[in-house]
Amino acid sequence: MQENSSNLAFEASCKGSGMQRAVEKITSQHNRNYWQEQQKQKKENKVLQSWLTGEVPVDWRLANVTPIYKRAGRRNQGTIGLSA
């Protein structure tokens, strides 16, 4: 946080020089990364809780799952080996 506050002080001193955009970009990247980390942590916690308790969260049970077909495409599945 100290680093961000020093960036903001620097932003105030460089308003007209174009540095403000660079500082805003850095700040927005930091906020985006922080949000992504929070979402990742929530998902990891759900998976861990599910693994430990053996229960699947309700919202996961209600999810619509759409298969993603690779290689052969949707119409021609080809031979599928069950040993993999």
PDB file of N, CA and C in Angstrom:
ATOM      1  N   MET A   1       0.812  -1.190   0.000  1.00  0.00           N
ATOM      2  CA  MET A   1       0.000   0.000   0.000  1.00  0.00           C
ATOM      3  C   MET A   1       0.860   1.259   0.000  1.00  0.00           C
ATOM      4  N   GLN A   2       2.020   1.207   0.651  1.00  0.00           N
ATOM      5  CA  GLN A   2       2.879   2.385   0.666  1.00  0.00           C
ATOM      6  C   GLN A   2       3.331   2.731  -0.744  1.00  0.00           C
ATOM      7  N   GLU A   3       3.577   1.697  -1.534  1.00  0.00           N
ATOM      8  CA  GLU A   3       3.993   1.925  -2.917  1.00  0.00           C
ATOM      9  C   GLU A   3       2.897   2.649  -3.696  1.00  0.00           C
ATOM     10  N   ASN A   4       1.649   2.256  -3.480  1.00  0.00           N
ATOM     11  CA  ASN A   4       0.534   2.910  -4.167  1.00  0.00           C
ATOM     12  C   ASN A   4       0.381   4.353  -3.733  1.00  0.00           C
ATOM     13  N   SER A   5       0.554   4.635  -2.444  1.00  0.00           N
ATOM     14  CA  SER A   5       0.410   6.012  -1.980  1.00  0.00           C
ATOM     15  C   SER A   5       1.521   6.888  -2.541  1.00  0.00           C
ATOM     16  N   SER A   6       2.727   6.338  -2.702  1.00  0.00           N
ATOM     17  CA  SER A   6       3.800   7.132  -3.301  1.00  0.00           C
ATOM     18  C   SER A   6       3.506   7.389  -4.776  1.00  0.00           C
ATOM     19  N   ASN A   7       2.877   6.416  -5.457  1.00  0.00           N
ATOM     20  CA  ASN A   7       2.481   6.617  -6.853  1.00  0.00           C
ATOM     21  C   ASN A   7       1.450   7.727  -6.967  1.00  0.00           C
ATOM     22  N   LEU A   8       0.520   7.777  -6.026  1.00  0.00           N
ATOM     23  CA  LEU A   8      -0.506   8.808  -6.068  1.00  0.00           C
ATOM     24  C   LEU A   8       0.086  10.191  -5.824  1.00  0.00           C
ATOM     25  N   ALA A   9       1.076  10.289  -4.925  1.00  0.00           N
ATOM     26  CA  ALA A   9       1.735  11.568  -4.684  1.00  0.00           C
ATOM     27  C   ALA A   9       2.491  12.000  -5.939  1.00  0.00           C
ATOM     28  N   PHE A  10       3.108  11.036  -6.607  1.00  0.00           N
ATOM     29  CA  PHE A  10       3.825  11.323  -7.840  1.00  0.00           C
ATOM     30  C   PHE A  10       2.846  11.782  -8.914  1.00  0.00           C
ATOM     31  N   GLU A  11       1.668  11.166  -8.946  1.00  0.00           N
ATOM     32  CA  GLU A  11       0.636  11.536  -9.919  1.00  0.00           C
ATOM     33  C   GLU A  11       0.228  12.993  -9.745  1.00  0.00           C
ATOM     34  N   ALA A  12       0.097  13.434  -8.524  1.00  0.00           N
ATOM     35  CA  ALA A  12      -0.319  14.811  -8.261  1.00  0.00           C
ATOM     36  C   ALA A  12       0.724  15.800  -8.766  1.00  0.00           C
ATOM     37  N   SER A  13       1.992  15.425  -8.715  1.00  0.00           N
ATOM     38  CA  SER A  13       3.034  16.344  -9.149  1.00  0.00           C
ATOM     39  C   SER A  13       3.221  16.347 -10.666  1.00  0.00           C
ATOM     40  N   CYS A  14       2.690  15.350 -11.382  1.00  0.00           N
ATOM     41  CA  CYS A  14       2.916  15.219 -12.830  1.00  0.00           C
ATOM     42  C   CYS A  14       1.618  15.245 -13.617  1.00  0.00           C
ATOM     43  N   LYS A  15       0.659  16.019 -13.212  1.00  0.00           N
ATOM     44  CA  LYS A  15      -0.659  15.995 -13.867  1.00  0.00           C
ATOM     45  C   LYS A  15      -0.607  16.260 -15.358  1.00  0.00           C
ATOM     46  N   GLY A  16       0.134  17.242 -15.799  1.00  0.00           N
ATOM     47  CA  GLY A  16       0.105  17.620 -17.201  1.00  0.00           C
ATOM     48  C   GLY A  16       1.119  16.912 -18.068  1.00  0.00           C
ATOM     49  N   SER A  17       1.945  16.038 -17.520  1.00  0.00           N
ATOM     50  CA  SER A  17       3.045  15.474 -18.291  1.00  0.00           C
ATOM     51  C   SER A  17       2.734  14.131 -18.945  1.00  0.00           C
ATOM     52  N   GLY A  18       1.541  13.610 -18.774  1.00  0.00           N
ATOM     53  CA  GLY A  18       1.219  12.311 -19.356  1.00  0.00           C
ATOM     54  C   GLY A  18       1.547  11.156 -18.436  1.00  0.00           C
ATOM     55  N   MET A  19       2.210  11.426 -17.349  1.00  0.00           N
ATOM     56  CA  MET A  19       2.530  10.380 -16.387  1.00  0.00           C
ATOM     57  C   MET A  19       1.275   9.897 -15.664  1.00  0.00           C
ATOM     58  N   GLN A  20       0.255  10.733 -15.630  1.00  0.00           N
ATOM     59  CA  GLN A  20      -0.980  10.373 -14.933  1.00  0.00           C
ATOM     60  C   GLN A  20      -1.589   9.111 -15.549  1.00  0.00           C
ATOM     61  N   ARG A  21      -1.560   9.015 -16.865  1.00  0.00           N
ATOM     62  CA  ARG A  21      -2.107   7.831 -17.536  1.00  0.00           C
ATOM     63  C   ARG A  21      -1.327   6.582 -17.162  1.00  0.00           C
ATOM     64  N   ALA A  22      -0.011   6.704 -17.084  1.00  0.00           N
ATOM     65  CA  ALA A  22       0.817   5.556 -16.715  1.00  0.00           C
ATOM     66  C   ALA A  22       0.505   5.102 -15.296  1.00  0.00           C
ATOM     67  N   VAL A  23       0.345   6.059 -14.401  1.00  0.00           N
ATOM     68  CA  VAL A  23       0.029   5.728 -13.012  1.00  0.00           C
ATOM     69  C   VAL A  23      -1.355   5.096 -12.926  1.00  0.00           C
ATOM     70  N   GLU A  24      -2.319   5.625 -13.679  1.00  0.00           N
ATOM     71  CA  GLU A  24      -3.663   5.047 -13.688  1.00  0.00           C
ATOM     72  C   GLU A  24      -3.639   3.621 -14.231  1.00  0.00           C
ATOM     73  N   LYS A  25      -2.809   3.377 -15.237  1.00  0.00           N
ATOM     74  CA  LYS A  25      -2.703   2.045 -15.809  1.00  0.00           C
ATOM     75  C   LYS A  25      -2.148   1.064 -14.783  1.00  0.00           C
ATOM     76  N   ILE A  26      -1.110   1.478 -14.077  1.00  0.00           N
ATOM     77  CA  ILE A  26      -0.514   0.621 -13.051  1.00  0.00           C
ATOM     78  C   ILE A  26      -1.525   0.337 -11.951  1.00  0.00           C
ATOM     79  N   THR A  27      -2.243   1.369 -11.535  1.00  0.00           N
ATOM     80  CA  THR A  27      -3.237   1.211 -10.473  1.00  0.00           C
ATOM     81  C   THR A  27      -4.362   0.285 -10.915  1.00  0.00           C
ATOM     82  N   SER A  28      -4.834   0.439 -12.154  1.00  0.00           N
ATOM     83  CA  SER A  28      -5.922  -0.418 -12.632  1.00  0.00           C
ATOM     84  C   SER A  28      -5.449  -1.866 -12.776  1.00  0.00           C
ATOM     85  N   GLN A  29      -4.197  -2.069 -13.200  1.00  0.00           N
ATOM     86  CA  GLN A  29      -3.659  -3.423 -13.295  1.00  0.00           C
ATOM     87  C   GLN A  29      -3.585  -4.061 -11.915  1.00  0.00           C
ATOM     88  N   HIS A  30      -3.160  -3.264 -10.928  1.00  0.00           N
ATOM     89  CA  HIS A  30      -3.080  -3.773  -9.559  1.00  0.00           C
ATOM     90  C   HIS A  30      -4.468  -4.179  -9.069  1.00  0.00           C
ATOM     91  N   ASN A  31      -5.468  -3.332  -9.313  1.00  0.00           N
ATOM     92  CA  ASN A  31      -6.837  -3.629  -8.882  1.00  0.00           C
ATOM     93  C   ASN A  31      -7.380  -4.872  -9.580  1.00  0.00           C
ATOM     94  N   ARG A  32      -7.089  -5.004 -10.880  1.00  0.00           N
ATOM     95  CA  ARG A  32      -7.552  -6.160 -11.640  1.00  0.00           C
ATOM     96  C   ARG A  32      -6.900  -7.437 -11.113  1.00  0.00           C
ATOM     97  N   ASN A  33      -5.584  -7.379 -10.868  1.00  0.00           N
ATOM     98  CA  ASN A  33      -4.882  -8.548 -10.351  1.00  0.00           C
ATOM     99  C   ASN A  33      -5.405  -8.934  -8.973  1.00  0.00           C
ATOM    100  N   TYR A  34      -5.675  -7.927  -8.144  1.00  0.00           N
ATOM    101  CA  TYR A  34      -6.204  -8.186  -6.803  1.00  0.00           C
ATOM    102  C   TYR A  34      -7.557  -8.875  -6.902  1.00  0.00           C
ATOM    103  N   TRP A  35      -8.438  -8.400  -7.788  1.00  0.00           N
ATOM    104  CA  TRP A  35      -9.760  -8.998  -7.960  1.00  0.00           C
ATOM    105  C   TRP A  35      -9.641 -10.439  -8.456  1.00  0.00           C
ATOM    106  N   GLN A  36      -8.746 -10.672  -9.418  1.00  0.00           N
ATOM    107  CA  GLN A  36      -8.557 -12.018  -9.949  1.00  0.00           C
ATOM    108  C   GLN A  36      -8.055 -12.966  -8.867  1.00  0.00           C
ATOM    109  N   GLU A  37      -7.143 -12.487  -8.030  1.00  0.00           N
ATOM    110  CA  GLU A  37      -6.632 -13.316  -6.940  1.00  0.00           C
ATOM    111  C   GLU A  37      -7.735 -13.648  -5.941  1.00  0.00           C
ATOM    112  N   GLN A  38      -8.607 -12.680  -5.663  1.00  0.00           N
ATOM    113  CA  GLN A  38      -9.713 -12.922  -4.737  1.00  0.00           C
ATOM    114  C   GLN A  38     -10.659 -13.983  -5.299  1.00  0.00           C
ATOM    115  N   GLN A  39     -10.982 -13.891  -6.585  1.00  0.00           N
ATOM    116  CA  GLN A  39     -11.869 -14.867  -7.213  1.00  0.00           C
ATOM    117  C   GLN A  39     -11.225 -16.254  -7.223  1.00  0.00           C
ATOM    118  N   LYS A  40      -9.932 -16.298  -7.509  1.00  0.00           N
ATOM    119  CA  LYS A  40      -9.203 -17.560  -7.525  1.00  0.00           C
ATOM    120  C   LYS A  40      -9.215 -18.194  -6.139  1.00  0.00           C
ATOM    121  N   GLN A  41      -9.005 -17.387  -5.114  1.00  0.00           N
ATOM    122  CA  GLN A  41      -8.988 -17.882  -3.742  1.00  0.00           C
ATOM    123  C   GLN A  41     -10.355 -18.447  -3.350  1.00  0.00           C
ATOM    124  N   LYS A  42     -11.432 -17.766  -3.749  1.00  0.00           N
ATOM    125  CA  LYS A  42     -12.779 -18.255  -3.439  1.00  0.00           C
ATOM    126  C   LYS A  42     -13.022 -19.621  -4.078  1.00  0.00           C
ATOM    127  N   LYS A  43     -12.600 -19.772  -5.341  1.00  0.00           N
ATOM    128  CA  LYS A  43     -12.786 -21.049  -6.029  1.00  0.00           C
ATOM    129  C   LYS A  43     -11.968 -22.147  -5.366  1.00  0.00           C
ATOM    130  N   GLU A  44     -10.731 -21.830  -5.009  1.00  0.00           N
ATOM    131  CA  GLU A  44      -9.877 -22.817  -4.353  1.00  0.00           C
ATOM    132  C   GLU A  44     -10.475 -23.245  -3.018  1.00  0.00           C
ATOM    133  N   ASN A  45     -11.041 -22.297  -2.283  1.00  0.00           N
ATOM    134  CA  ASN A  45     -11.663 -22.628  -1.002  1.00  0.00           C
ATOM    135  C   ASN A  45     -12.867 -23.546  -1.191  1.00  0.00           C
ATOM    136  N   LYS A  46     -13.674 -23.285  -2.228  1.00  0.00           N
ATOM    137  CA  LYS A  46     -14.829 -24.144  -2.504  1.00  0.00           C
ATOM    138  C   LYS A  46     -14.385 -25.558  -2.856  1.00  0.00           C
ATOM    139  N   VAL A  47     -13.353 -25.667  -3.682  1.00  0.00           N
ATOM    140  CA  VAL A  47     -12.860 -26.984  -4.083  1.00  0.00           C
ATOM    141  C   VAL A  47     -12.313 -27.724  -2.866  1.00  0.00           C
ATOM    142  N   LEU A  48     -11.538 -27.036  -2.039  1.00  0.00           N
ATOM    143  CA  LEU A  48     -10.966 -27.663  -0.847  1.00  0.00           C
ATOM    144  C   LEU A  48     -12.069 -28.112   0.111  1.00  0.00           C
ATOM    145  N   GLN A  49     -13.048 -27.259   0.331  1.00  0.00           N
ATOM    146  CA  GLN A  49     -14.158 -27.602   1.222  1.00  0.00           C
ATOM    147  C   GLN A  49     -14.923 -28.813   0.679  1.00  0.00           C
ATOM    148  N   SER A  50     -15.149 -28.835  -0.631  1.00  0.00           N
ATOM    149  CA  SER A  50     -15.846 -29.948  -1.254  1.00  0.00           C
ATOM    150  C   SER A  50     -15.037 -31.234  -1.100  1.00  0.00           C
ATOM    151  N   TRP A  51     -13.739 -31.131  -1.279  1.00  0.00           N
ATOM    152  CA  TRP A  51     -12.857 -32.295  -1.176  1.00  0.00           C
ATOM    153  C   TRP A  51     -12.863 -32.850   0.247  1.00  0.00           C
ATOM    154  N   LEU A  52     -12.793 -31.964   1.240  1.00  0.00           N
ATOM    155  CA  LEU A  52     -12.713 -32.397   2.632  1.00  0.00           C
ATOM    156  C   LEU A  52     -14.035 -32.955   3.151  1.00  0.00           C
ATOM    157  N   THR A  53     -15.149 -32.355   2.756  1.00  0.00           N
ATOM    158  CA  THR A  53     -16.449 -32.780   3.279  1.00  0.00           C
ATOM    159  C   THR A  53     -17.114 -33.842   2.416  1.00  0.00           C
ATOM    160  N   GLY A  54     -16.719 -33.946   1.160  1.00  0.00           N
ATOM    161  CA  GLY A  54     -17.343 -34.896   0.253  1.00  0.00           C
ATOM    162  C   GLY A  54     -18.664 -34.407  -0.307  1.00  0.00           C
ATOM    163  N   GLU A  55     -19.002 -33.142  -0.057  1.00  0.00           N
ATOM    164  CA  GLU A  55     -20.252 -32.568  -0.553  1.00  0.00           C
ATOM    165  C   GLU A  55     -19.961 -31.596  -1.687  1.00  0.00           C
ATOM    166  N   VAL A  56     -20.855 -31.581  -2.661  1.00  0.00           N
ATOM    167  CA  VAL A  56     -20.721 -30.670  -3.794  1.00  0.00           C
ATOM    168  C   VAL A  56     -21.582 -29.438  -3.520  1.00  0.00           C
ATOM    169  N   PRO A  57     -21.036 -28.220  -3.698  1.00  0.00           N
ATOM    170  CA  PRO A  57     -21.838 -27.012  -3.479  1.00  0.00           C
ATOM    171  C   PRO A  57     -23.094 -27.001  -4.357  1.00  0.00           C
ATOM    172  N   VAL A  58     -24.168 -26.408  -3.839  1.00  0.00           N
ATOM    173  CA  VAL A  58     -25.460 -26.392  -4.531  1.00  0.00           C
ATOM    174  C   VAL A  58     -25.350 -25.726  -5.896  1.00  0.00           C
ATOM    175  N   ASP A  59     -24.643 -24.601  -5.968  1.00  0.00           N
ATOM    176  CA  ASP A  59     -24.544 -23.896  -7.250  1.00  0.00           C
ATOM    177  C   ASP A  59     -23.793 -24.718  -8.287  1.00  0.00           C
ATOM    178  N   TRP A  60     -22.929 -25.629  -7.864  1.00  0.00           N
ATOM    179  CA  TRP A  60     -22.249 -26.495  -8.815  1.00  0.00           C
ATOM    180  C   TRP A  60     -23.203 -27.566  -9.331  1.00  0.00           C
ATOM    181  N   ARG A  61     -24.101 -28.049  -8.480  1.00  0.00           N
ATOM    182  CA  ARG A  61     -25.061 -29.067  -8.895  1.00  0.00           C
ATOM    183  C   ARG A  61     -26.051 -28.509  -9.900  1.00  0.00           C
ATOM    184  N   LEU A  62     -26.358 -27.233  -9.792  1.00  0.00           N
ATOM    185  CA  LEU A  62     -27.351 -26.610 -10.665  1.00  0.00           C
ATOM    186  C   LEU A  62     -26.753 -26.067 -11.960  1.00  0.00           C
ATOM    187  N   ALA A  63     -25.451 -26.173 -12.117  1.00  0.00           N
ATOM    188  CA  ALA A  63     -24.784 -25.583 -13.280  1.00  0.00           C
ATOM    189  C   ALA A  63     -25.130 -26.340 -14.564  1.00  0.00           C
ATOM    190  N   ASN A  64     -25.251 -25.601 -15.650  1.00  0.00           N
ATOM    191  CA  ASN A  64     -25.417 -26.204 -16.969  1.00  0.00           C
ATOM    192  C   ASN A  64     -24.034 -26.497 -17.519  1.00  0.00           C
ATOM    193  N   VAL A  65     -23.788 -27.746 -17.837  1.00  0.00           N
ATOM    194  CA  VAL A  65     -22.479 -28.150 -18.332  1.00  0.00           C
ATOM    195  C   VAL A  65     -22.589 -28.423 -19.823  1.00  0.00           C
ATOM    196  N   THR A  66     -21.749 -27.770 -20.590  1.00  0.00           N
ATOM    197  CA  THR A  66     -21.719 -27.960 -22.034  1.00  0.00           C
ATOM    198  C   THR A  66     -20.385 -28.596 -22.404  1.00  0.00           C
ATOM    199  N   PRO A  67     -20.406 -29.756 -23.037  1.00  0.00           N
ATOM    200  CA  PRO A  67     -19.141 -30.397 -23.396  1.00  0.00           C
ATOM    201  C   PRO A  67     -18.389 -29.596 -24.460  1.00  0.00           C
ATOM    202  N   ILE A  68     -17.092 -29.617 -24.362  1.00  0.00           N
ATOM    203  CA  ILE A  68     -16.235 -28.957 -25.347  1.00  0.00           C
ATOM    204  C   ILE A  68     -15.591 -30.061 -26.179  1.00  0.00           C
ATOM    205  N   TYR A  69     -15.947 -30.100 -27.439  1.00  0.00           N
ATOM    206  CA  TYR A  69     -15.441 -31.137 -28.320  1.00  0.00           C
ATOM    207  C   TYR A  69     -14.119 -30.694 -28.929  1.00  0.00           C
ATOM    208  N   LYS A  70     -13.158 -31.606 -28.925  1.00  0.00           N
ATOM    209  CA  LYS A  70     -11.851 -31.301 -29.492  1.00  0.00           C
ATOM    210  C   LYS A  70     -11.564 -32.257 -30.652  1.00  0.00           C
ATOM    211  N   ARG A  71     -10.649 -31.880 -31.484  1.00  0.00           N
ATOM    212  CA  ARG A  71     -10.155 -32.646 -32.629  1.00  0.00           C
ATOM    213  C   ARG A  71     -11.238 -33.039 -33.619  1.00  0.00           C
ATOM    214  N   ALA A  72     -11.981 -34.112 -33.364  1.00  0.00           N
ATOM    215  CA  ALA A  72     -12.903 -34.665 -34.351  1.00  0.00           C
ATOM    216  C   ALA A  72     -14.129 -33.784 -34.568  1.00  0.00           C
ATOM    217  N   GLY A  73     -14.445 -32.929 -33.637  1.00  0.00           N
ATOM    218  CA  GLY A  73     -15.611 -32.079 -33.789  1.00  0.00           C
ATOM    219  C   GLY A  73     -16.858 -32.709 -33.195  1.00  0.00           C
ATOM    220  N   ARG A  74     -17.943 -32.015 -33.310  1.00  0.00           N
ATOM    221  CA  ARG A  74     -19.187 -32.421 -32.660  1.00  0.00           C
ATOM    222  C   ARG A  74     -19.852 -33.606 -33.374  1.00  0.00           C
ATOM    223  N   ARG A  75     -19.816 -33.646 -34.667  1.00  0.00           N
ATOM    224  CA  ARG A  75     -20.539 -34.686 -35.411  1.00  0.00           C
ATOM    225  C   ARG A  75     -19.781 -36.006 -35.465  1.00  0.00           C
ATOM    226  N   ASN A  76     -18.471 -35.946 -35.620  1.00  0.00           N
ATOM    227  CA  ASN A  76     -17.685 -37.160 -35.781  1.00  0.00           C
ATOM    228  C   ASN A  76     -16.806 -37.340 -34.544  1.00  0.00           C
ATOM    229  N   GLN A  77     -17.296 -38.070 -33.568  1.00  0.00           N
ATOM    230  CA  GLN A  77     -16.536 -38.272 -32.343  1.00  0.00           C
ATOM    231  C   GLN A  77     -15.407 -39.273 -32.526  1.00  0.00           C
ATOM    232  N   GLY A  78     -15.563 -40.183 -33.436  1.00  0.00           N
ATOM    233  CA  GLY A  78     -14.537 -41.187 -33.631  1.00  0.00           C
ATOM    234  C   GLY A  78     -14.577 -42.219 -32.513  1.00  0.00           C
ATOM    235  N   THR A  79     -13.519 -43.008 -32.413  1.00  0.00           N
ATOM    236  CA  THR A  79     -13.452 -44.034 -31.384  1.00  0.00           C
ATOM    237  C   THR A  79     -12.920 -43.416 -30.103  1.00  0.00           C
ATOM    238  N   ILE A  80     -13.624 -43.670 -29.019  1.00  0.00           N
ATOM    239  CA  ILE A  80     -13.203 -43.132 -27.731  1.00  0.00           C
ATOM    240  C   ILE A  80     -12.760 -44.295 -26.862  1.00  0.00           C
ATOM    241  N   GLY A  81     -11.505 -44.264 -26.434  1.00  0.00           N
ATOM    242  CA  GLY A  81     -10.997 -45.309 -25.555  1.00  0.00           C
ATOM    243  C   GLY A  81     -11.300 -44.985 -24.103  1.00  0.00           C
ATOM    244  N   LEU A  82     -11.796 -45.947 -23.371  1.00  0.00           N
ATOM    245  CA  LEU A  82     -12.147 -45.723 -21.976  1.00  0.00           C
ATOM    246  C   LEU A  82     -11.008 -46.066 -21.029  1.00  0.00           C
ATOM    247  N   SER A  83      -9.862 -46.442 -21.557  1.00  0.00           N
ATOM    248  CA  SER A  83      -8.748 -46.837 -20.694  1.00  0.00           C
ATOM    249  C   SER A  83      -7.893 -45.651 -20.263  1.00  0.00           C
ATOM    250  N   ALA A  84      -8.137 -44.474 -20.821  1.00  0.00           N
ATOM    251  CA  ALA A  84      -7.286 -43.324 -20.523  1.00  0.00           C
ATOM    252  C   ALA A  84      -7.563 -42.715 -19.190  1.00  0.00           C
TER     253      ALA A  84
END
